[in-house]
Protein backbone atom coordinates (compact mmCIF):
# COMPACT_ATOMS: atom_id res chain seq x y z
CA MET A 1 29.97 -19.58 23.40
CA ALA A 2 29.15 -20.32 27.09
CA LEU A 3 27.36 -23.63 26.56
CA LYS A 4 29.71 -26.45 25.78
CA ARG A 5 28.09 -29.86 26.67
CA ALA A 6 25.09 -30.93 24.56
CA LEU A 7 22.71 -33.77 24.68
CA VAL A 8 21.07 -34.76 21.40
CA THR A 9 18.05 -36.92 21.32
CA GLY A 10 17.04 -38.24 17.89
CA ALA A 11 20.73 -38.52 16.75
CA THR A 12 19.73 -41.41 14.36
CA GLY A 13 17.07 -39.15 12.63
CA TYR A 14 17.17 -36.80 9.65
CA ILE A 15 18.02 -33.72 11.62
CA GLY A 16 19.70 -35.15 14.59
CA GLY A 17 22.17 -37.06 12.39
CA ARG A 18 23.18 -33.79 10.68
CA LEU A 19 23.28 -31.69 13.82
CA VAL A 20 25.74 -33.87 15.66
CA PRO A 21 28.84 -33.36 13.40
CA ARG A 22 28.03 -29.60 13.25
CA LEU A 23 27.87 -29.28 17.03
CA LEU A 24 31.26 -31.04 17.17
CA GLU A 25 32.55 -28.51 14.67
CA ALA A 26 31.29 -25.74 16.78
CA GLY A 27 33.34 -26.80 19.77
CA PHE A 28 30.57 -28.86 21.66
CA THR A 29 31.08 -31.87 23.69
CA VAL A 30 28.24 -34.05 22.54
CA ARG A 31 26.37 -36.91 24.18
CA VAL A 32 23.71 -38.68 22.32
CA LEU A 33 20.55 -40.60 23.61
CA VAL A 34 19.53 -43.37 21.22
CA ARG A 35 17.38 -46.51 21.64
CA ASN A 36 19.96 -48.74 19.71
CA ALA A 37 23.60 -47.71 19.67
CA GLU A 38 24.10 -50.23 16.98
CA LYS A 39 22.63 -47.73 14.56
CA LEU A 40 25.43 -45.51 15.08
CA LYS A 41 27.98 -48.26 14.30
CA ASP A 42 29.27 -46.64 11.12
CA VAL A 43 28.57 -42.95 11.42
CA PRO A 44 31.86 -40.98 10.95
CA TRP A 45 31.58 -39.07 14.22
CA ARG A 46 30.80 -42.08 16.47
CA ALA A 47 34.19 -42.03 18.20
CA GLN A 48 33.81 -38.37 19.00
CA VAL A 49 30.51 -38.61 21.05
CA GLU A 50 29.42 -40.26 24.21
CA ILE A 51 26.63 -42.62 23.59
CA HIS A 52 23.90 -43.49 25.85
CA GLU A 53 21.49 -46.25 25.01
CA GLY A 54 17.75 -45.78 26.29
CA ASP A 55 14.34 -44.47 25.40
CA LEU A 56 12.58 -41.28 26.29
CA LEU A 57 9.92 -43.37 27.82
CA ASP A 58 12.48 -44.56 30.29
CA ALA A 59 12.70 -41.89 33.12
CA ALA A 60 15.95 -43.26 34.55
CA ALA A 61 17.65 -43.40 31.10
CA VAL A 62 16.60 -39.78 30.55
CA GLU A 63 17.75 -38.84 33.92
CA ARG A 64 21.30 -40.44 33.39
CA ALA A 65 21.63 -38.76 30.02
CA CYS A 66 21.03 -35.23 31.31
CA HIS A 67 23.66 -35.47 34.04
CA LYS A 68 26.28 -32.63 33.51
CA ILE A 69 24.50 -31.24 30.30
CA ASP A 70 24.38 -27.57 29.42
CA VAL A 71 21.98 -27.69 26.35
CA LEU A 72 19.53 -30.45 25.41
CA TYR A 73 18.37 -30.79 22.00
CA TYR A 74 14.91 -32.44 21.54
CA LEU A 75 14.62 -33.69 17.97
CA VAL A 76 12.30 -36.78 18.49
CA HIS A 77 9.13 -37.06 16.79
CA ALA A 78 6.87 -40.01 16.11
CA MET A 79 6.72 -39.23 12.32
CA GLY A 80 4.81 -41.99 10.48
CA GLN A 81 3.46 -43.68 13.71
CA LYS A 82 -0.12 -44.57 14.13
CA GLY A 83 -2.23 -45.39 17.04
CA ASP A 84 -1.75 -43.81 20.41
CA PHE A 85 1.65 -42.18 19.72
CA GLU A 86 0.53 -38.77 21.19
CA SER A 87 0.40 -40.12 24.87
CA LYS A 88 3.86 -41.72 24.38
CA GLU A 89 5.26 -38.41 22.96
CA LEU A 90 3.71 -36.56 25.84
CA GLN A 91 5.30 -38.98 28.38
CA GLY A 92 8.69 -38.74 26.79
CA ALA A 93 8.37 -34.97 26.94
CA HIS A 94 7.63 -34.91 30.53
CA HIS A 95 10.53 -37.22 31.37
CA VAL A 96 12.81 -34.70 29.57
CA ALA A 97 11.36 -31.61 31.22
CA GLU A 98 11.62 -33.23 34.67
CA SER A 99 15.17 -34.59 34.16
CA ALA A 100 16.37 -31.60 32.47
CA LYS A 101 15.10 -29.30 35.37
CA ALA A 102 16.53 -31.65 38.09
CA ALA A 103 19.86 -31.81 36.27
CA GLY A 104 20.33 -28.16 36.08
CA VAL A 105 20.45 -27.99 32.34
CA SER A 106 20.73 -24.42 31.10
CA ARG A 107 18.71 -24.63 27.81
CA ILE A 108 16.43 -26.78 25.87
CA VAL A 109 16.24 -26.40 22.13
CA TYR A 110 13.23 -28.08 20.46
CA LEU A 111 12.32 -28.40 16.72
CA GLY A 112 8.71 -28.38 16.05
CA GLY A 113 6.46 -27.59 13.26
CA LEU A 114 4.86 -24.33 11.81
CA HIS A 115 1.23 -24.43 12.23
CA PRO A 116 -1.88 -22.04 12.29
CA SER A 117 -2.60 -20.06 15.46
CA GLN A 118 -6.15 -20.86 15.15
CA GLY A 119 -8.18 -23.95 14.02
CA GLU A 120 -8.03 -27.73 14.29
CA LEU A 121 -4.61 -29.23 13.90
CA SER A 122 -3.82 -32.81 12.62
CA LYS A 123 -2.87 -35.13 15.23
CA HIS A 124 0.92 -34.99 14.42
CA LEU A 125 0.99 -31.13 14.34
CA ARG A 126 -0.98 -31.06 17.58
CA SER A 127 1.31 -33.59 19.37
CA ARG A 128 4.28 -31.28 18.17
CA ALA A 129 2.70 -28.21 19.68
CA GLU A 130 1.96 -30.06 22.91
CA VAL A 131 5.52 -31.34 23.19
CA GLY A 132 6.84 -27.89 22.83
CA GLN A 133 4.35 -26.58 25.55
CA ILE A 134 5.70 -29.03 28.05
CA LEU A 135 9.15 -28.11 27.39
CA LEU A 136 8.28 -24.35 27.68
CA ASP A 137 6.67 -25.06 31.03
CA SER A 138 9.60 -27.13 32.34
CA GLY A 139 11.23 -24.29 34.15
CA VAL A 140 14.39 -24.67 31.91
CA PRO A 141 14.58 -21.89 29.33
CA THR A 142 13.39 -23.31 26.09
CA ALA A 143 13.71 -22.32 22.53
CA ALA A 144 10.88 -24.07 20.59
CA LEU A 145 11.95 -23.54 17.03
CA GLN A 146 9.08 -24.05 14.61
CA ALA A 147 9.79 -24.80 10.96
CA GLY A 148 7.72 -25.87 8.06
CA VAL A 149 8.71 -27.68 4.78
CA ILE A 150 12.45 -28.36 5.25
CA ILE A 151 14.47 -28.70 1.93
CA GLY A 152 17.62 -30.62 1.67
CA SER A 153 18.88 -33.84 0.09
CA GLY A 154 17.02 -36.82 1.63
CA SER A 155 14.43 -34.86 3.60
CA THR A 156 10.94 -36.30 3.23
CA SER A 157 9.25 -33.05 1.93
CA PHE A 158 11.97 -32.63 -0.62
CA GLU A 159 11.79 -36.26 -1.89
CA MET A 160 7.95 -35.96 -2.25
CA ILE A 161 8.27 -32.83 -4.15
CA ARG A 162 11.06 -34.47 -6.39
CA HIS A 163 9.24 -37.62 -7.06
CA LEU A 164 5.81 -36.15 -7.78
CA THR A 165 7.45 -33.77 -10.22
CA ASP A 166 9.76 -36.39 -11.86
CA VAL A 167 6.90 -38.89 -12.46
CA LEU A 168 4.04 -36.73 -13.52
CA PRO A 169 4.16 -34.32 -16.63
CA VAL A 170 0.62 -33.32 -15.74
CA MET A 171 -0.42 -33.46 -12.10
CA THR A 172 -3.82 -33.84 -10.70
CA ALA A 173 -3.53 -32.51 -7.23
CA PRO A 174 -5.45 -31.56 -4.14
CA LYS A 175 -6.49 -28.01 -3.68
CA TRP A 176 -3.89 -27.58 -0.99
CA VAL A 177 -1.23 -27.15 -3.74
CA GLY A 178 -2.48 -23.64 -3.75
CA ASN A 179 -1.82 -23.12 0.05
CA LEU A 180 1.06 -20.97 1.08
CA ILE A 181 4.33 -22.52 2.19
CA GLN A 182 7.48 -21.01 3.83
CA PRO A 183 10.20 -23.54 3.08
CA ILE A 184 13.66 -23.51 4.79
CA ALA A 185 16.94 -25.05 3.67
CA VAL A 186 18.14 -27.71 6.12
CA ARG A 187 21.43 -25.88 6.45
CA ASP A 188 19.53 -22.91 7.78
CA VAL A 189 17.76 -25.06 10.16
CA MET A 190 21.24 -26.24 11.46
CA TYR A 191 22.31 -22.77 11.80
CA TYR A 192 19.30 -21.74 13.94
CA LEU A 193 19.52 -24.85 16.09
CA ILE A 194 23.12 -24.29 17.00
CA LYS A 195 22.77 -20.52 17.57
CA ALA A 196 19.78 -21.30 19.72
CA ALA A 197 22.13 -22.69 22.44
CA ASP A 198 23.44 -19.23 22.90
CA LEU A 199 20.17 -17.40 23.64
CA PRO A 200 20.01 -15.68 26.94
CA PRO A 201 18.24 -17.55 29.87
CA THR A 202 15.42 -14.86 29.65
CA VAL A 203 14.22 -16.43 26.20
CA ASN A 204 11.58 -19.11 26.83
CA ARG A 205 9.31 -19.06 23.84
CA THR A 206 8.33 -20.40 20.49
CA ILE A 207 10.41 -18.92 17.47
CA ASP A 208 9.14 -19.45 14.02
CA ILE A 209 11.84 -19.92 11.36
CA GLY A 210 11.54 -20.04 7.62
CA GLY A 211 13.17 -19.18 4.44
CA PRO A 212 13.04 -15.84 2.57
CA GLU A 213 10.18 -16.66 0.37
CA VAL A 214 6.48 -17.64 0.62
CA LEU A 215 5.37 -19.91 -2.12
CA LYS A 216 2.48 -22.00 -3.13
CA TYR A 217 3.23 -25.78 -3.02
CA SER A 218 2.54 -25.79 -6.87
CA GLU A 219 5.14 -23.10 -7.23
CA MET A 220 7.71 -25.20 -5.20
CA MET A 221 6.97 -28.21 -7.57
CA ASN A 222 7.69 -26.12 -10.64
CA GLY A 223 10.73 -24.49 -9.00
CA TYR A 224 12.12 -28.10 -8.48
CA ALA A 225 11.27 -28.89 -12.16
CA VAL A 226 13.34 -25.96 -13.45
CA GLU A 227 16.33 -26.69 -11.22
CA ALA A 228 16.14 -30.27 -12.33
CA GLY A 229 16.21 -29.39 -15.97
CA MET A 230 12.57 -30.12 -16.84
CA LYS A 231 9.66 -28.35 -18.07
CA GLU A 232 7.27 -26.77 -15.72
CA ARG A 233 4.34 -29.13 -14.93
CA ALA A 234 0.64 -28.34 -15.54
CA ILE A 235 -1.10 -28.77 -12.26
CA LEU A 236 -4.92 -29.47 -12.27
CA LYS A 237 -6.41 -28.92 -8.75
CA LEU A 238 -9.14 -31.29 -7.66
CA PRO A 239 -11.17 -30.39 -4.65
CA VAL A 240 -12.39 -34.05 -4.09
CA LEU A 241 -8.94 -35.45 -3.13
CA THR A 242 -9.13 -35.82 0.64
CA PRO A 243 -5.89 -35.95 2.62
CA TYR A 244 -6.54 -39.81 2.82
CA LEU A 245 -6.93 -40.23 -0.73
CA ALA A 246 -3.91 -37.97 -1.57
CA SER A 247 -1.81 -39.97 0.75
CA GLN A 248 -2.68 -43.12 -1.06
CA TRP A 249 -1.78 -41.30 -4.46
CA VAL A 250 1.52 -40.20 -2.98
CA ASN A 251 2.23 -43.76 -1.77
CA LEU A 252 1.67 -45.21 -5.21
CA VAL A 253 3.63 -42.78 -7.39
CA THR A 254 6.47 -41.88 -4.93
CA PRO A 255 8.70 -44.11 -2.64
CA ILE A 256 7.29 -42.33 0.35
CA PRO A 257 5.35 -44.82 2.30
CA ARG A 258 1.70 -44.02 3.27
CA THR A 259 2.60 -43.75 6.99
CA LEU A 260 5.04 -40.91 6.25
CA ALA A 261 2.77 -39.32 3.68
CA VAL A 262 -0.24 -39.04 5.88
CA PRO A 263 1.19 -36.57 8.30
CA ILE A 264 3.08 -34.58 5.64
CA ILE A 265 -0.16 -34.06 3.68
CA ALA A 266 -2.23 -33.43 6.81
CA SER A 267 0.30 -30.55 7.60
CA LEU A 268 -0.32 -29.11 4.13
CA GLN A 269 -3.99 -28.68 4.69
CA HIS A 270 -3.31 -25.11 6.02
CA ASP A 271 -0.97 -22.26 5.05
CA CYS A 272 2.40 -23.19 6.58
CA ILE A 273 4.02 -19.90 7.07
CA MET A 274 5.63 -18.00 9.81
CA ASN A 275 3.23 -16.31 12.39
CA GLU A 276 5.95 -14.60 14.47
CA HIS A 277 8.51 -12.54 12.38
CA ASP A 278 11.03 -11.43 15.21
CA VAL A 279 13.35 -14.25 14.76
CA ASP A 280 16.13 -11.74 13.64
CA SER A 281 16.09 -9.88 16.99
CA LEU A 282 16.93 -13.18 18.81
CA ILE A 283 19.26 -14.85 16.40
CA PRO A 284 20.82 -12.86 13.52
CA PRO A 285 20.45 -14.40 10.03
CA PRO A 286 23.52 -16.15 8.60
CA ALA A 287 26.12 -13.73 7.34
CA GLU A 288 25.53 -14.89 3.74
CA GLY A 289 21.76 -14.70 4.22
CA LEU A 290 18.94 -17.41 4.19
CA LEU A 291 18.96 -19.88 1.10
CA THR A 292 16.21 -19.22 -1.37
CA TYR A 293 13.98 -22.29 -2.35
CA ARG A 294 15.54 -22.64 -5.66
CA ARG A 295 18.98 -22.38 -4.36
CA SER A 296 18.15 -24.97 -1.65
CA VAL A 297 16.85 -27.40 -4.35
CA HIS A 298 19.96 -26.70 -6.43
CA LEU A 299 22.20 -27.71 -3.49
CA ALA A 300 20.09 -30.72 -2.72
CA LEU A 301 20.31 -31.98 -6.35
CA GLY A 302 24.04 -31.41 -6.22
CA LYS A 303 24.48 -33.65 -3.04
CA MET A 304 22.42 -36.29 -4.60
CA LYS A 305 24.47 -36.29 -7.83
CA GLU A 306 27.80 -36.60 -5.72
CA GLY A 307 26.17 -39.37 -3.70
CA ASP A 308 26.85 -37.11 -0.50
CA ILE A 309 23.53 -37.54 1.28
CA GLU A 310 24.23 -37.38 5.05
CA THR A 311 20.83 -38.50 6.39
CA SER A 312 17.65 -39.30 4.60
CA TRP A 313 14.04 -40.03 5.19
CA GLN A 314 14.61 -43.61 3.83
CA ASN A 315 16.31 -44.49 7.15
CA ALA A 316 13.24 -43.48 9.24
CA SER A 317 11.58 -46.35 11.25
CA VAL A 318 8.60 -47.72 9.32
CA GLU A 319 5.31 -48.18 11.28
CA GLY A 320 4.36 -51.75 11.63
CA ALA A 321 7.74 -53.13 10.26
CA PRO A 322 9.46 -55.71 12.41
CA SER A 323 12.35 -54.40 14.34
CA ASP A 324 13.53 -57.18 16.51
CA PRO A 325 16.90 -58.50 15.22
CA LEU A 326 17.46 -62.02 14.23
CA PRO A 327 17.92 -64.40 17.13
CA SER A 328 21.22 -65.95 17.43
CA ASP A 329 19.79 -69.39 17.20
CA PRO A 330 16.85 -68.97 14.74
CA GLU A 331 15.88 -72.61 14.98
CA TRP A 332 15.09 -72.79 18.75
CA ALA A 333 12.63 -75.55 19.79
CA GLY A 334 8.98 -74.91 19.14
CA HIS A 335 9.28 -72.04 16.52
CA ARG A 336 8.82 -72.94 12.94
CA VAL A 337 11.56 -71.35 10.52
CA TYR A 338 12.05 -71.61 6.83
CA ILE A 339 15.55 -71.37 5.35
CA ASP A 340 16.50 -71.14 1.70
CA LEU A 341 20.48 -71.74 1.30
CA LYS A 342 22.39 -71.11 -1.61
CA GLN A 343 26.28 -71.44 -1.80
CA ARG A 344 28.65 -70.77 -4.60
CA ASP A 345 32.51 -70.98 -5.22
CA CYS A 346 33.77 -67.85 -6.83
CA ASP A 347 36.85 -67.54 -8.93
CA ALA A 348 37.22 -63.88 -7.97
CA PRO A 349 38.94 -62.74 -4.95
CA VAL A 350 36.85 -61.87 -1.81
CA GLU A 351 36.89 -58.07 -2.35
CA ASP A 352 35.31 -58.28 -5.69
CA LEU A 353 32.62 -60.62 -4.37
CA TRP A 354 32.08 -58.30 -1.44
CA ALA A 355 31.73 -55.14 -3.64
CA LEU A 356 28.82 -56.82 -5.35
CA ILE A 357 27.23 -57.81 -1.88
CA GLU A 358 27.46 -54.27 -0.33
CA GLY A 359 26.32 -52.67 -3.54
CA ILE A 360 23.20 -54.58 -3.93
CA GLY A 361 19.74 -52.95 -4.32
CA GLY A 362 18.62 -49.41 -5.31
CA GLU A 363 19.88 -48.87 -8.86
CA ASN A 364 22.11 -51.61 -9.00
CA GLY A 365 19.28 -54.06 -8.54
CA TRP A 366 18.97 -57.72 -7.08
CA TYR A 367 20.70 -59.51 -9.92
CA SER A 368 17.67 -61.70 -10.96
CA LEU A 369 14.31 -61.25 -12.67
CA PRO A 370 13.98 -57.52 -12.16
CA ILE A 371 10.33 -57.68 -13.29
CA ALA A 372 9.53 -60.10 -10.57
CA TRP A 373 11.04 -57.82 -7.95
CA ALA A 374 9.29 -54.72 -9.46
CA ALA A 375 5.85 -56.67 -9.37
CA ARG A 376 6.53 -57.73 -5.73
CA GLY A 377 7.35 -54.11 -4.77
CA PHE A 378 4.26 -52.73 -6.47
CA ALA A 379 2.18 -55.20 -4.51
CA ASP A 380 3.71 -54.06 -1.35
CA LYS A 381 3.06 -50.36 -2.20
CA LEU A 382 -0.59 -51.22 -2.85
CA VAL A 383 -1.13 -52.41 0.70
CA GLY A 384 0.88 -49.51 2.26
CA GLY A 385 4.39 -50.95 2.31
CA VAL A 386 7.51 -49.31 1.34
CA GLY A 387 8.01 -51.14 -1.94
CA LEU A 388 11.36 -51.12 -3.95
CA ARG A 389 11.35 -47.53 -4.85
CA ARG A 390 12.82 -46.41 -1.48
CA GLY A 391 16.21 -47.41 -2.75
CA ARG A 392 19.34 -46.66 -0.86
CA ILE A 393 21.32 -43.58 0.00
CA ASN A 394 24.70 -44.58 -1.44
CA PRO A 395 25.26 -46.85 -4.35
CA VAL A 396 28.58 -48.29 -3.00
CA HIS A 397 28.52 -48.27 0.86
CA LEU A 398 26.12 -49.30 3.64
CA ARG A 399 25.67 -48.65 7.36
CA VAL A 400 23.74 -50.47 9.99
CA GLY A 401 20.24 -48.99 10.05
CA GLU A 402 20.08 -47.82 6.38
CA ALA A 403 17.33 -48.85 4.24
CA VAL A 404 17.86 -50.87 0.92
CA ASP A 405 14.64 -50.90 -0.90
CA TRP A 406 12.25 -52.99 1.25
CA TRP A 407 15.06 -54.13 3.51
CA ARG A 408 16.92 -52.55 6.38
CA VAL A 409 20.63 -53.29 7.27
CA GLU A 410 20.60 -55.15 10.46
CA ARG A 411 24.06 -56.15 10.71
CA ILE A 412 27.17 -55.48 8.37
CA ASP A 413 30.68 -56.80 8.98
CA HIS A 414 32.48 -54.89 6.13
CA GLY A 415 34.23 -57.18 3.67
CA SER A 416 32.47 -60.43 4.79
CA PHE A 417 28.73 -60.27 5.97
CA LEU A 418 25.64 -58.41 5.31
CA ARG A 419 22.22 -59.12 7.09
CA LEU A 420 19.13 -57.47 5.78
CA ARG A 421 15.67 -57.34 7.71
CA ALA A 422 12.50 -57.29 5.59
CA GLU A 423 10.25 -54.37 6.15
CA MET A 424 7.73 -55.53 3.33
CA LYS A 425 4.16 -56.62 4.34
CA VAL A 426 4.45 -60.44 4.75
CA PRO A 427 2.66 -62.83 7.26
CA GLY A 428 5.89 -63.29 9.29
CA LEU A 429 9.42 -62.07 9.62
CA ALA A 430 12.06 -62.34 6.97
CA TRP A 431 15.75 -61.87 6.73
CA LEU A 432 18.46 -62.12 3.87
CA GLU A 433 22.04 -62.95 4.75
CA LEU A 434 24.89 -62.55 2.17
CA THR A 435 28.32 -63.74 3.01
CA ALA A 436 31.69 -63.39 1.37
CA THR A 437 34.43 -65.74 2.57
CA ALA A 438 38.04 -65.61 1.51
CA LEU A 439 39.66 -68.92 0.42
CA PRO A 440 43.35 -69.79 0.88
CA ASP A 441 43.91 -69.99 -2.91
CA GLY A 442 42.89 -66.44 -3.48
CA THR A 443 39.29 -67.31 -4.54
CA SER A 444 36.13 -66.95 -2.52
CA HIS A 445 32.81 -68.49 -1.34
CA TYR A 446 29.58 -67.02 -1.61
CA THR A 447 26.61 -67.89 0.76
CA GLN A 448 23.10 -66.68 0.62
CA ARG A 449 20.68 -67.51 3.11
CA ALA A 450 16.98 -66.39 3.20
CA ILE A 451 15.30 -66.93 6.56
CA PHE A 452 11.53 -66.71 7.22
CA PHE A 453 9.46 -67.03 10.47
CA PRO A 454 5.81 -67.60 9.51
CA ARG A 455 3.04 -66.01 11.48
CA GLY A 456 0.19 -68.55 11.76
CA LEU A 457 -1.12 -70.72 8.93
CA GLY A 458 -1.26 -67.76 6.69
CA GLY A 459 2.53 -67.41 6.91
CA ARG A 460 3.15 -71.03 6.03
CA LEU A 461 0.91 -71.03 3.13
CA TYR A 462 2.69 -67.76 1.98
CA TRP A 463 6.06 -69.56 2.05
CA LEU A 464 4.68 -72.42 0.22
CA SER A 465 3.02 -70.39 -2.48
CA ILE A 466 6.34 -68.40 -3.25
CA LEU A 467 8.60 -71.35 -2.94
CA PRO A 468 8.74 -72.11 -6.62
CA ALA A 469 9.38 -68.44 -7.58
CA HIS A 470 12.14 -68.33 -4.88
CA GLY A 471 13.80 -71.34 -6.28
CA ILE A 472 14.27 -69.33 -9.56
CA ILE A 473 14.94 -65.95 -8.13
CA PHE A 474 17.31 -66.87 -5.37
CA ASN A 475 19.19 -69.35 -7.53
CA GLY A 476 19.48 -66.77 -10.25
CA MET A 477 20.43 -64.05 -7.68
CA ALA A 478 23.46 -66.23 -6.37
CA ASN A 479 24.55 -67.14 -10.01
CA LYS A 480 24.55 -63.77 -11.21
CA ILE A 481 26.41 -62.30 -8.24
CA VAL A 482 29.10 -64.71 -8.49
CA ALA A 483 29.35 -64.46 -12.23
CA THR A 484 29.39 -60.70 -12.09
CA ALA A 485 32.25 -60.68 -9.62
CA GLU A 486 34.31 -63.06 -11.77
CA GLN A 487 33.75 -61.07 -14.71
CA ARG A 488 34.77 -57.74 -13.00
CA PHE A 489 37.86 -59.53 -11.70
CA LEU A 490 38.70 -60.80 -15.25
CA GLU A 491 38.25 -57.32 -16.72
CA ARG A 492 40.35 -55.98 -14.04
CA LYS A 493 43.22 -58.45 -14.90
CA ILE A 494 42.98 -57.70 -18.60
CA HIS A 495 43.07 -53.95 -17.93
CA ALA A 496 46.06 -54.33 -15.83
CA LYS A 497 47.96 -56.44 -18.40
CA LEU A 498 47.21 -53.86 -21.14
CA SER A 499 48.40 -51.02 -18.85
CA ALA A 500 51.69 -52.98 -18.22
CA LEU A 501 52.11 -53.41 -22.10
CA SER A 502 51.61 -49.86 -22.89
């Protein structure tokens, strides 16, 4: 391998987060360009990479990141973004193209999407194709890989198939369920991305990649059903379901928010198969062969069962959700802030209390009035929010930037402090802080702080309207977390005594 120094953009995303450790295993020296380095705080490979903080829209930041780089991986895409995202993507691509050329980068590897060679494309597919063309015209040899539906634990496409099939024994579906799809396993995408770095400089072109099978979307759903141990689903095609209506349906019956469902469904309006079939002449297939769809599903389900999901759609940025961190002094002059503070002493040691805090949400729940939480989550889904069903990746451990139902981990000091930022639809900004403090006598103290910055009169009325419910829910939450920690501690002590006696 001649190329050793790699720059990865999009390292906090689904593909980039998986590619980085595999590049390290392959012998690359890796630099990443991320907008917020804090999101990499807890990834296992953080200490092995050089981190540059910056945005692709910042030409100077891109120029610095490209210095002394051999191969540049362009893995950024505004998935789920609305508005004028196209012009921003094109501007970022131009910055990368110009900086890579000026820095003497030897190879650009880009991951775009399979699309028809003719006909009108959706905004997202069109933007991906335009970004690829800018990179191909950069003067730097570029391999513009084009993949369709990517199957792997945590991928948006896989999760949409999984939830639609799990929830609905009989599916009324749009006519595009009969369209042809060429899915590819995420591990095969990783293989092609890494091998593309070794292509000779004469290769400057698009390269379609896909798995060994061409299937209908309906066949993919039923292939998943069989691998998951369920009966095949009856699927009724309805020609009246427009992409917009279909995205509303997906938003309601799956955890996929509407902003992510729209571009996925728009891409499925056409056959999503390889137009070019000469990839093998450029990059030999893996020695063990490309994974079939059913095998990909089997492996993804196995990863989920083991709780070993490297990256997930759940951690993708949500359009319209607040992203600014909580100010260090939330009660600055001139800004209205509401705070709900609950504190409890806990007879359990701090490690037992912290285990409850870090494990909150997802399948573990929120320790108070689950019906109320479910109702609020459903209401959020109705208005296009993420709802509660987004869940969490790992039932025990959290990292900065991960999603927890309708929250996102903004800060975590393992063993003591967790701050969650709300991404639900509310007229303002909201955070929830949970703290476990060790006391000298071996017990602990629990602090729970809900913070709300109202937006206008609507925000203030919203807070006042939910105040009675908050009094019940947040009190119950604090009481149950402390009581559960104490109960687990007691059970642990009893078990230890019984083991000593035996």
